[in-house]
């Protein structure tokens, strides 16, 4: 088992009254599996993903339950152990790359960051690997991209750069938090195809967070539907798509525009 999450509860204490945002969240993922986590804004899906990545660092957040990554307790392990996993075994791609990319640093420097932290590779080796992953995410002229600044790239190119940076150390788990939301429909389809390719090439497990069930259907074998901090439905993606049990899931399916990648 690559990932085992059991009874995860997340409660914030930054208001007068404590607020629970995730209740009794369970998730198991095997190596190479692609799982979708869907729900509207505020459903708890991104908070759950941040906890799995070990990125919920707010001191006023109380986390209960268990998150085991290959047996390592993400919630209870020493900070040094967690840092060893982040960007190496577990990587994350966020919704808007312009908030994740440093505007005054060139792309190459940023793509190499996880290698600088987790390996003893020489600058030449880092550049060679960075150009390799930029090429693997279908960016034309990787050398030009490597020497560019974020503002010189389109939104779709910046998202590919973030995926390249996340994959530079070939992690076992890639968490993609709404990676297509800020992109147009055509580029969304390209990013989903790219994630499929990464999964097949490296056997990378992918946790794909989205509010768009149509994209999840194209990519994920299983799906968890969240509402109000709870998982209200989970199972095989096609089964849930063809026979949703919850009214909320039916609403998601009915109201989100579909993207057909096969056309």
C-alpha atoms as a PDB file:
ATOM      1  CA  UNK A   1       0.000   0.000   0.000  1.00  0.00           C
ATOM      2  CA  UNK A   2       1.479   3.318  -1.090  1.00  0.00           C
ATOM      3  CA  UNK A   3      -0.891   5.585   0.854  1.00  0.00           C
ATOM      4  CA  UNK A   4      -3.284   4.837   3.716  1.00  0.00           C
ATOM      5  CA  UNK A   5      -5.421   7.626   5.167  1.00  0.00           C
ATOM      6  CA  UNK A   6      -7.798   6.735   7.987  1.00  0.00           C
ATOM      7  CA  UNK A   7     -10.245   8.889   9.978  1.00  0.00           C
ATOM      8  CA  UNK A   8      -8.558  12.153   8.997  1.00  0.00           C
ATOM      9  CA  UNK A   9     -10.194  15.128  10.692  1.00  0.00           C
ATOM     10  CA  UNK A  10      -8.972  18.690  10.209  1.00  0.00           C
ATOM     11  CA  UNK A  11     -10.095  21.453  12.536  1.00  0.00           C
ATOM     12  CA  UNK A  12      -9.061  25.113  12.475  1.00  0.00           C
ATOM     13  CA  UNK A  13      -8.831  27.202  15.625  1.00  0.00           C
ATOM     14  CA  UNK A  14      -8.283  30.620  14.048  1.00  0.00           C
ATOM     15  CA  UNK A  15     -11.832  31.772  14.812  1.00  0.00           C
ATOM     16  CA  UNK A  16     -13.697  32.170  18.085  1.00  0.00           C
ATOM     17  CA  UNK A  17     -15.492  28.905  17.387  1.00  0.00           C
ATOM     18  CA  UNK A  18     -13.314  26.012  16.090  1.00  0.00           C
ATOM     19  CA  UNK A  19     -14.238  24.985  12.550  1.00  0.00           C
ATOM     20  CA  UNK A  20     -13.935  21.421  11.265  1.00  0.00           C
ATOM     21  CA  UNK A  21     -13.295  21.347   7.510  1.00  0.00           C
ATOM     22  CA  UNK A  22     -12.663  17.605   6.986  1.00  0.00           C
ATOM     23  CA  UNK A  23     -14.508  14.782   8.749  1.00  0.00           C
ATOM     24  CA  UNK A  24     -13.465  11.097   8.938  1.00  0.00           C
ATOM     25  CA  UNK A  25     -11.653  11.081   5.590  1.00  0.00           C
ATOM     26  CA  UNK A  26     -10.431   7.661   4.401  1.00  0.00           C
ATOM     27  CA  UNK A  27      -8.327   6.899   1.331  1.00  0.00           C
ATOM     28  CA  UNK A  28      -6.161   3.998   0.193  1.00  0.00           C
ATOM     29  CA  UNK A  29      -3.951   4.244  -2.903  1.00  0.00           C
ATOM     30  CA  UNK A  30      -1.736   1.645  -4.529  1.00  0.00           C
ATOM     31  CA  UNK A  31       1.342   2.407  -6.609  1.00  0.00           C
ATOM     32  CA  UNK A  32       0.418   3.622 -10.076  1.00  0.00           C
ATOM     33  CA  UNK A  33      -3.239   4.254  -9.221  1.00  0.00           C
ATOM     34  CA  UNK A  34      -5.062   7.427 -10.301  1.00  0.00           C
ATOM     35  CA  UNK A  35      -7.769   8.592  -7.897  1.00  0.00           C
ATOM     36  CA  UNK A  36     -10.014  11.622  -8.305  1.00  0.00           C
ATOM     37  CA  UNK A  37     -11.142  13.839  -5.444  1.00  0.00           C
ATOM     38  CA  UNK A  38     -14.061  16.018  -6.494  1.00  0.00           C
ATOM     39  CA  UNK A  39     -16.372  18.558  -4.918  1.00  0.00           C
ATOM     40  CA  UNK A  40     -17.258  22.236  -4.974  1.00  0.00           C
ATOM     41  CA  UNK A  41     -15.144  24.958  -3.357  1.00  0.00           C
ATOM     42  CA  UNK A  42     -15.063  24.511   0.413  1.00  0.00           C
ATOM     43  CA  UNK A  43     -15.831  20.790   0.273  1.00  0.00           C
ATOM     44  CA  UNK A  44     -12.555  19.887   2.005  1.00  0.00           C
ATOM     45  CA  UNK A  45     -10.806  18.270  -0.945  1.00  0.00           C
ATOM     46  CA  UNK A  46      -7.829  20.645  -1.077  1.00  0.00           C
ATOM     47  CA  UNK A  47      -7.388  20.582   2.714  1.00  0.00           C
ATOM     48  CA  UNK A  48      -7.294  16.782   2.607  1.00  0.00           C
ATOM     49  CA  UNK A  49      -4.700  16.894  -0.168  1.00  0.00           C
ATOM     50  CA  UNK A  50      -2.531  19.441   1.664  1.00  0.00           C
ATOM     51  CA  UNK A  51      -2.586  17.237   4.775  1.00  0.00           C
ATOM     52  CA  UNK A  52      -1.489  14.212   2.720  1.00  0.00           C
ATOM     53  CA  UNK A  53       1.370  16.274   1.272  1.00  0.00           C
ATOM     54  CA  UNK A  54       2.370  17.396   4.770  1.00  0.00           C
ATOM     55  CA  UNK A  55       1.738  21.032   3.850  1.00  0.00           C
ATOM     56  CA  UNK A  56      -0.836  21.967   6.489  1.00  0.00           C
ATOM     57  CA  UNK A  57       1.628  23.833   8.653  1.00  0.00           C
ATOM     58  CA  UNK A  58      -0.738  26.286  10.328  1.00  0.00           C
ATOM     59  CA  UNK A  59      -0.282  26.032  14.080  1.00  0.00           C
ATOM     60  CA  UNK A  60      -3.977  26.606  14.565  1.00  0.00           C
ATOM     61  CA  UNK A  61      -4.881  23.509  12.535  1.00  0.00           C
ATOM     62  CA  UNK A  62      -5.629  20.412  14.580  1.00  0.00           C
ATOM     63  CA  UNK A  63      -5.305  17.151  12.667  1.00  0.00           C
ATOM     64  CA  UNK A  64      -6.580  13.794  13.933  1.00  0.00           C
ATOM     65  CA  UNK A  65      -6.335  10.403  12.300  1.00  0.00           C
ATOM     66  CA  UNK A  66      -3.621   8.669  10.342  1.00  0.00           C
ATOM     67  CA  UNK A  67      -1.806   9.356   7.087  1.00  0.00           C
ATOM     68  CA  UNK A  68       0.690   6.625   6.244  1.00  0.00           C
ATOM     69  CA  UNK A  69       2.916   6.967   3.186  1.00  0.00           C
ATOM     70  CA  UNK A  70       4.717   3.640   2.669  1.00  0.00           C
ATOM     71  CA  UNK A  71       4.354   3.158   6.415  1.00  0.00           C
ATOM     72  CA  UNK A  72       5.687   6.602   7.398  1.00  0.00           C
ATOM     73  CA  UNK A  73       3.255   8.606   9.526  1.00  0.00           C
ATOM     74  CA  UNK A  74       2.932  11.986   7.772  1.00  0.00           C
ATOM     75  CA  UNK A  75       1.122  13.550  10.723  1.00  0.00           C
ATOM     76  CA  UNK A  76       3.499  12.322  13.418  1.00  0.00           C
ATOM     77  CA  UNK A  77       6.931  11.945  11.814  1.00  0.00           C
ATOM     78  CA  UNK A  78       9.826  14.338  12.564  1.00  0.00           C
ATOM     79  CA  UNK A  79       9.991  17.445  10.390  1.00  0.00           C
ATOM     80  CA  UNK A  80      13.253  16.210   8.875  1.00  0.00           C
ATOM     81  CA  UNK A  81      11.623  12.969   7.735  1.00  0.00           C
ATOM     82  CA  UNK A  82       8.719  14.875   6.190  1.00  0.00           C
ATOM     83  CA  UNK A  83      11.069  17.185   4.316  1.00  0.00           C
ATOM     84  CA  UNK A  84      12.835  14.143   2.945  1.00  0.00           C
ATOM     85  CA  UNK A  85       9.561  12.977   1.405  1.00  0.00           C
ATOM     86  CA  UNK A  86       8.299  16.309   0.066  1.00  0.00           C
ATOM     87  CA  UNK A  87       9.401  16.974  -3.495  1.00  0.00           C
ATOM     88  CA  UNK A  88      11.125  13.606  -3.648  1.00  0.00           C
ATOM     89  CA  UNK A  89       8.586  10.845  -2.947  1.00  0.00           C
ATOM     90  CA  UNK A  90       5.509  13.118  -2.807  1.00  0.00           C
ATOM     91  CA  UNK A  91       5.119  16.123  -5.117  1.00  0.00           C
ATOM     92  CA  UNK A  92       2.291  18.592  -5.584  1.00  0.00           C
ATOM     93  CA  UNK A  93       1.079  20.724  -8.490  1.00  0.00           C
ATOM     94  CA  UNK A  94      -1.160  23.655  -7.641  1.00  0.00           C
ATOM     95  CA  UNK A  95      -4.017  25.406  -9.427  1.00  0.00           C
ATOM     96  CA  UNK A  96      -2.334  28.655 -10.440  1.00  0.00           C
ATOM     97  CA  UNK A  97       1.359  28.353 -11.356  1.00  0.00           C
ATOM     98  CA  UNK A  98       1.944  32.124 -11.197  1.00  0.00           C
ATOM     99  CA  UNK A  99       1.441  31.980  -7.435  1.00  0.00           C
ATOM    100  CA  UNK A 100       3.856  29.028  -7.156  1.00  0.00           C
ATOM    101  CA  UNK A 101       6.555  30.243  -9.528  1.00  0.00           C
ATOM    102  CA  UNK A 102       8.988  32.951  -8.439  1.00  0.00           C
ATOM    103  CA  UNK A 103       8.639  35.820 -10.952  1.00  0.00           C
ATOM    104  CA  UNK A 104      12.271  36.913 -10.614  1.00  0.00           C
ATOM    105  CA  UNK A 105      13.875  33.478 -11.039  1.00  0.00           C
ATOM    106  CA  UNK A 106      14.384  31.728 -14.353  1.00  0.00           C
ATOM    107  CA  UNK A 107      12.395  28.560 -15.037  1.00  0.00           C
ATOM    108  CA  UNK A 108      15.455  26.313 -15.037  1.00  0.00           C
ATOM    109  CA  UNK A 109      16.479  27.342 -11.530  1.00  0.00           C
ATOM    110  CA  UNK A 110      12.961  26.658 -10.257  1.00  0.00           C
ATOM    111  CA  UNK A 111      12.560  23.296 -11.985  1.00  0.00           C
ATOM    112  CA  UNK A 112      15.873  22.149 -10.457  1.00  0.00           C
ATOM    113  CA  UNK A 113      14.874  23.091  -6.894  1.00  0.00           C
ATOM    114  CA  UNK A 114      13.882  19.597  -5.718  1.00  0.00           C
ATOM    115  CA  UNK A 115      17.157  18.211  -7.092  1.00  0.00           C
ATOM    116  CA  UNK A 116      19.155  20.825  -5.184  1.00  0.00           C
ATOM    117  CA  UNK A 117      17.359  19.846  -1.972  1.00  0.00           C
ATOM    118  CA  UNK A 118      17.270  16.068  -2.309  1.00  0.00           C
ATOM    119  CA  UNK A 119      20.311  15.095  -4.421  1.00  0.00           C
ATOM    120  CA  UNK A 120      24.013  15.820  -4.665  1.00  0.00           C
ATOM    121  CA  UNK A 121      23.826  16.319  -8.431  1.00  0.00           C
ATOM    122  CA  UNK A 122      26.232  18.786 -10.024  1.00  0.00           C
ATOM    123  CA  UNK A 123      24.883  21.930 -11.745  1.00  0.00           C
ATOM    124  CA  UNK A 124      25.513  20.244 -15.097  1.00  0.00           C
ATOM    125  CA  UNK A 125      23.576  17.142 -14.047  1.00  0.00           C
ATOM    126  CA  UNK A 126      20.715  19.264 -12.747  1.00  0.00           C
ATOM    127  CA  UNK A 127      20.480  21.206 -15.997  1.00  0.00           C
ATOM    128  CA  UNK A 128      20.561  18.030 -18.062  1.00  0.00           C
ATOM    129  CA  UNK A 129      17.749  16.535 -15.981  1.00  0.00           C
ATOM    130  CA  UNK A 130      15.732  19.778 -16.043  1.00  0.00           C
ATOM    131  CA  UNK A 131      15.914  19.948 -19.842  1.00  0.00           C
ATOM    132  CA  UNK A 132      14.906  16.289 -19.946  1.00  0.00           C
ATOM    133  CA  UNK A 133      11.759  16.767 -17.838  1.00  0.00           C
ATOM    134  CA  UNK A 134      10.835  19.976 -19.694  1.00  0.00           C
ATOM    135  CA  UNK A 135      10.998  17.948 -22.883  1.00  0.00           C
ATOM    136  CA  UNK A 136       8.960  15.121 -21.319  1.00  0.00           C
ATOM    137  CA  UNK A 137       6.065  17.505 -20.575  1.00  0.00           C
ATOM    138  CA  UNK A 138       5.933  18.417 -24.277  1.00  0.00           C
ATOM    139  CA  UNK A 139       7.416  21.899 -24.048  1.00  0.00           C
ATOM    140  CA  UNK A 140       8.944  22.929 -27.367  1.00  0.00           C
ATOM    141  CA  UNK A 141      12.495  24.267 -27.223  1.00  0.00           C
ATOM    142  CA  UNK A 142      13.268  23.259 -23.596  1.00  0.00           C
ATOM    143  CA  UNK A 143      16.484  25.312 -23.650  1.00  0.00           C
ATOM    144  CA  UNK A 144      14.511  28.494 -24.333  1.00  0.00           C
ATOM    145  CA  UNK A 145      11.973  27.640 -21.621  1.00  0.00           C
ATOM    146  CA  UNK A 146      14.820  26.836 -19.192  1.00  0.00           C
ATOM    147  CA  UNK A 147      16.213  30.354 -19.687  1.00  0.00           C
ATOM    148  CA  UNK A 148      12.829  32.121 -19.576  1.00  0.00           C
ATOM    149  CA  UNK A 149      11.021  33.893 -16.749  1.00  0.00           C
ATOM    150  CA  UNK A 150       7.465  32.827 -15.796  1.00  0.00           C
ATOM    151  CA  UNK A 151       5.827  35.921 -17.339  1.00  0.00           C
ATOM    152  CA  UNK A 152       7.333  34.995 -20.718  1.00  0.00           C
ATOM    153  CA  UNK A 153       5.306  31.766 -20.863  1.00  0.00           C
ATOM    154  CA  UNK A 154       1.614  31.100 -21.448  1.00  0.00           C
ATOM    155  CA  UNK A 155      -0.612  29.698 -18.695  1.00  0.00           C
ATOM    156  CA  UNK A 156      -0.528  26.228 -20.204  1.00  0.00           C
ATOM    157  CA  UNK A 157       3.270  26.321 -20.501  1.00  0.00           C
ATOM    158  CA  UNK A 158       3.618  27.453 -16.883  1.00  0.00           C
ATOM    159  CA  UNK A 159       1.454  24.556 -15.729  1.00  0.00           C
ATOM    160  CA  UNK A 160       3.636  22.134 -17.710  1.00  0.00           C
ATOM    161  CA  UNK A 161       6.682  23.699 -16.035  1.00  0.00           C
ATOM    162  CA  UNK A 162       5.122  23.030 -12.613  1.00  0.00           C
ATOM    163  CA  UNK A 163       4.479  19.409 -13.582  1.00  0.00           C
ATOM    164  CA  UNK A 164       8.080  19.102 -14.798  1.00  0.00           C
ATOM    165  CA  UNK A 165       9.355  20.537 -11.496  1.00  0.00           C
ATOM    166  CA  UNK A 166       7.148  18.116  -9.561  1.00  0.00           C
ATOM    167  CA  UNK A 167       8.394  15.126 -11.581  1.00  0.00           C
ATOM    168  CA  UNK A 168      12.128  15.927 -11.630  1.00  0.00           C
ATOM    169  CA  UNK A 169      12.881  13.383  -8.875  1.00  0.00           C
ATOM    170  CA  UNK A 170      10.275  10.899 -10.200  1.00  0.00           C
ATOM    171  CA  UNK A 171       8.051  10.850  -7.098  1.00  0.00           C
ATOM    172  CA  UNK A 172       5.827   7.887  -6.286  1.00  0.00           C
ATOM    173  CA  UNK A 173       2.819  10.144  -5.585  1.00  0.00           C
ATOM    174  CA  UNK A 174       1.849  13.258  -7.532  1.00  0.00           C
ATOM    175  CA  UNK A 175      -0.919  15.380  -6.018  1.00  0.00           C
ATOM    176  CA  UNK A 176      -2.521  17.631  -8.637  1.00  0.00           C
ATOM    177  CA  UNK A 177      -4.735  20.240  -6.952  1.00  0.00           C
ATOM    178  CA  UNK A 178      -7.067  21.725  -9.578  1.00  0.00           C
ATOM    179  CA  UNK A 179      -4.220  21.886 -12.133  1.00  0.00           C
ATOM    180  CA  UNK A 180      -6.538  22.701 -15.052  1.00  0.00           C
ATOM    181  CA  UNK A 181      -8.939  25.239 -13.529  1.00  0.00           C
ATOM    182  CA  UNK A 182      -7.258  28.392 -14.853  1.00  0.00           C
ATOM    183  CA  UNK A 183      -6.796  26.954 -18.350  1.00  0.00           C
ATOM    184  CA  UNK A 184      -9.030  26.874 -21.415  1.00  0.00           C
ATOM    185  CA  UNK A 185     -10.756  23.639 -22.398  1.00  0.00           C
ATOM    186  CA  UNK A 186      -8.216  22.622 -25.062  1.00  0.00           C
ATOM    187  CA  UNK A 187      -5.258  23.082 -22.711  1.00  0.00           C
ATOM    188  CA  UNK A 188      -7.160  21.275 -19.928  1.00  0.00           C
ATOM    189  CA  UNK A 189      -7.422  18.258 -22.200  1.00  0.00           C
ATOM    190  CA  UNK A 190      -3.694  18.425 -22.985  1.00  0.00           C
ATOM    191  CA  UNK A 191      -2.757  18.555 -19.289  1.00  0.00           C
ATOM    192  CA  UNK A 192      -4.982  15.553 -18.517  1.00  0.00           C
ATOM    193  CA  UNK A 193      -3.349  13.611 -21.380  1.00  0.00           C
ATOM    194  CA  UNK A 194       0.064  14.583 -20.004  1.00  0.00           C
ATOM    195  CA  UNK A 195      -0.844  13.266 -16.545  1.00  0.00           C
ATOM    196  CA  UNK A 196      -1.996  10.002 -18.137  1.00  0.00           C
ATOM    197  CA  UNK A 197       1.340   9.743 -19.928  1.00  0.00           C
ATOM    198  CA  UNK A 198       3.298  10.379 -16.721  1.00  0.00           C
ATOM    199  CA  UNK A 199       1.282   7.696 -14.962  1.00  0.00           C
ATOM    200  CA  UNK A 200       2.000   5.126 -17.672  1.00  0.00           C
ATOM    201  CA  UNK A 201       5.667   6.014 -18.132  1.00  0.00           C
ATOM    202  CA  UNK A 202       6.690   6.157 -14.461  1.00  0.00           C
ATOM    203  CA  UNK A 203       3.875   4.229 -12.711  1.00  0.00           C
ATOM    204  CA  UNK A 204       3.310   7.408 -10.714  1.00  0.00           C
ATOM    205  CA  UNK A 205       0.259   7.364  -8.472  1.00  0.00           C
ATOM    206  CA  UNK A 206      -1.808  10.514  -9.010  1.00  0.00           C
ATOM    207  CA  UNK A 207      -4.334  12.122  -6.679  1.00  0.00           C
ATOM    208  CA  UNK A 208      -6.271  14.447  -8.998  1.00  0.00           C
ATOM    209  CA  UNK A 209      -8.334  17.114  -7.252  1.00  0.00           C
ATOM    210  CA  UNK A 210     -11.022  18.851  -9.273  1.00  0.00           C
ATOM    211  CA  UNK A 211     -14.552  20.215  -9.222  1.00  0.00           C
ATOM    212  CA  UNK A 212     -15.007  18.881 -12.767  1.00  0.00           C
ATOM    213  CA  UNK A 213     -16.228  15.295 -12.854  1.00  0.00           C
ATOM    214  CA  UNK A 214     -15.927  15.159 -16.644  1.00  0.00           C
ATOM    215  CA  UNK A 215     -12.130  15.559 -16.446  1.00  0.00           C
ATOM    216  CA  UNK A 216     -11.957  13.076 -13.586  1.00  0.00           C
ATOM    217  CA  UNK A 217     -13.815  10.549 -15.731  1.00  0.00           C
ATOM    218  CA  UNK A 218     -11.169  10.848 -18.447  1.00  0.00           C
ATOM    219  CA  UNK A 219      -8.275  10.295 -16.040  1.00  0.00           C
ATOM    220  CA  UNK A 220      -9.204   8.441 -12.864  1.00  0.00           C
ATOM    221  CA  UNK A 221     -10.055   4.833 -12.116  1.00  0.00           C
ATOM    222  CA  UNK A 222     -11.665   5.695  -8.782  1.00  0.00           C
ATOM    223  CA  UNK A 223     -13.290   8.820  -7.448  1.00  0.00           C
ATOM    224  CA  UNK A 224     -14.223  10.244  -4.047  1.00  0.00           C
ATOM    225  CA  UNK A 225     -16.936  12.895  -3.956  1.00  0.00           C
ATOM    226  CA  UNK A 226     -16.716  15.408  -1.108  1.00  0.00           C
ATOM    227  CA  UNK A 227     -19.311  17.802   0.249  1.00  0.00           C
ATOM    228  CA  UNK A 228     -19.150  19.854   3.430  1.00  0.00           C
ATOM    229  CA  UNK A 229     -16.001  18.108   4.628  1.00  0.00           C
ATOM    230  CA  UNK A 230     -17.406  14.592   4.197  1.00  0.00           C
ATOM    231  CA  UNK A 231     -16.844  11.942   1.536  1.00  0.00           C
ATOM    232  CA  UNK A 232     -20.447  11.423   0.427  1.00  0.00           C
ATOM    233  CA  UNK A 233     -19.765   8.869  -2.309  1.00  0.00           C
ATOM    234  CA  UNK A 234     -16.805   6.848  -3.548  1.00  0.00           C
ATOM    235  CA  UNK A 235     -16.081   4.011  -5.918  1.00  0.00           C
ATOM    236  CA  UNK A 236     -15.229   3.095  -9.493  1.00  0.00           C
ATOM    237  CA  UNK A 237     -15.424   6.231 -11.650  1.00  0.00           C
ATOM    238  CA  UNK A 238     -17.586   4.706 -14.392  1.00  0.00           C
ATOM    239  CA  UNK A 239     -19.975   3.187 -11.880  1.00  0.00           C
ATOM    240  CA  UNK A 240     -20.413   6.508 -10.101  1.00  0.00           C
ATOM    241  CA  UNK A 241     -20.776   8.344 -13.402  1.00  0.00           C
ATOM    242  CA  UNK A 242     -23.368   5.908 -14.762  1.00  0.00           C
ATOM    243  CA  UNK A 243     -25.215   5.235 -11.513  1.00  0.00           C
ATOM    244  CA  UNK A 244     -24.641   8.020  -8.946  1.00  0.00           C
ATOM    245  CA  UNK A 245     -26.371   7.343  -5.649  1.00  0.00           C
ATOM    246  CA  UNK A 246     -26.188  10.794  -4.095  1.00  0.00           C
ATOM    247  CA  UNK A 247     -28.190  13.779  -5.329  1.00  0.00           C
ATOM    248  CA  UNK A 248     -25.079  15.933  -4.936  1.00  0.00           C
ATOM    249  CA  UNK A 249     -23.094  13.670  -7.291  1.00  0.00           C
ATOM    250  CA  UNK A 250     -25.956  13.733  -9.795  1.00  0.00           C
ATOM    251  CA  UNK A 251     -25.910  17.519  -9.622  1.00  0.00           C
ATOM    252  CA  UNK A 252     -22.152  17.619 -10.306  1.00  0.00           C
ATOM    253  CA  UNK A 253     -22.526  15.305 -13.289  1.00  0.00           C
ATOM    254  CA  UNK A 254     -25.461  17.235 -14.714  1.00  0.00           C
ATOM    255  CA  UNK A 255     -24.081  20.731 -14.268  1.00  0.00           C
ATOM    256  CA  UNK A 256     -20.418  20.534 -15.306  1.00  0.00           C
ATOM    257  CA  UNK A 257     -19.596  20.875 -19.033  1.00  0.00           C
ATOM    258  CA  UNK A 258     -18.103  17.676 -20.381  1.00  0.00           C
ATOM    259  CA  UNK A 259     -14.684  17.519 -22.046  1.00  0.00           C
ATOM    260  CA  UNK A 260     -14.237  14.608 -24.450  1.00  0.00           C
ATOM    261  CA  UNK A 261     -10.548  13.951 -25.042  1.00  0.00           C
ATOM    262  CA  UNK A 262     -11.241  11.393 -27.779  1.00  0.00           C
ATOM    263  CA  UNK A 263     -12.672  13.833 -30.281  1.00  0.00           C
END
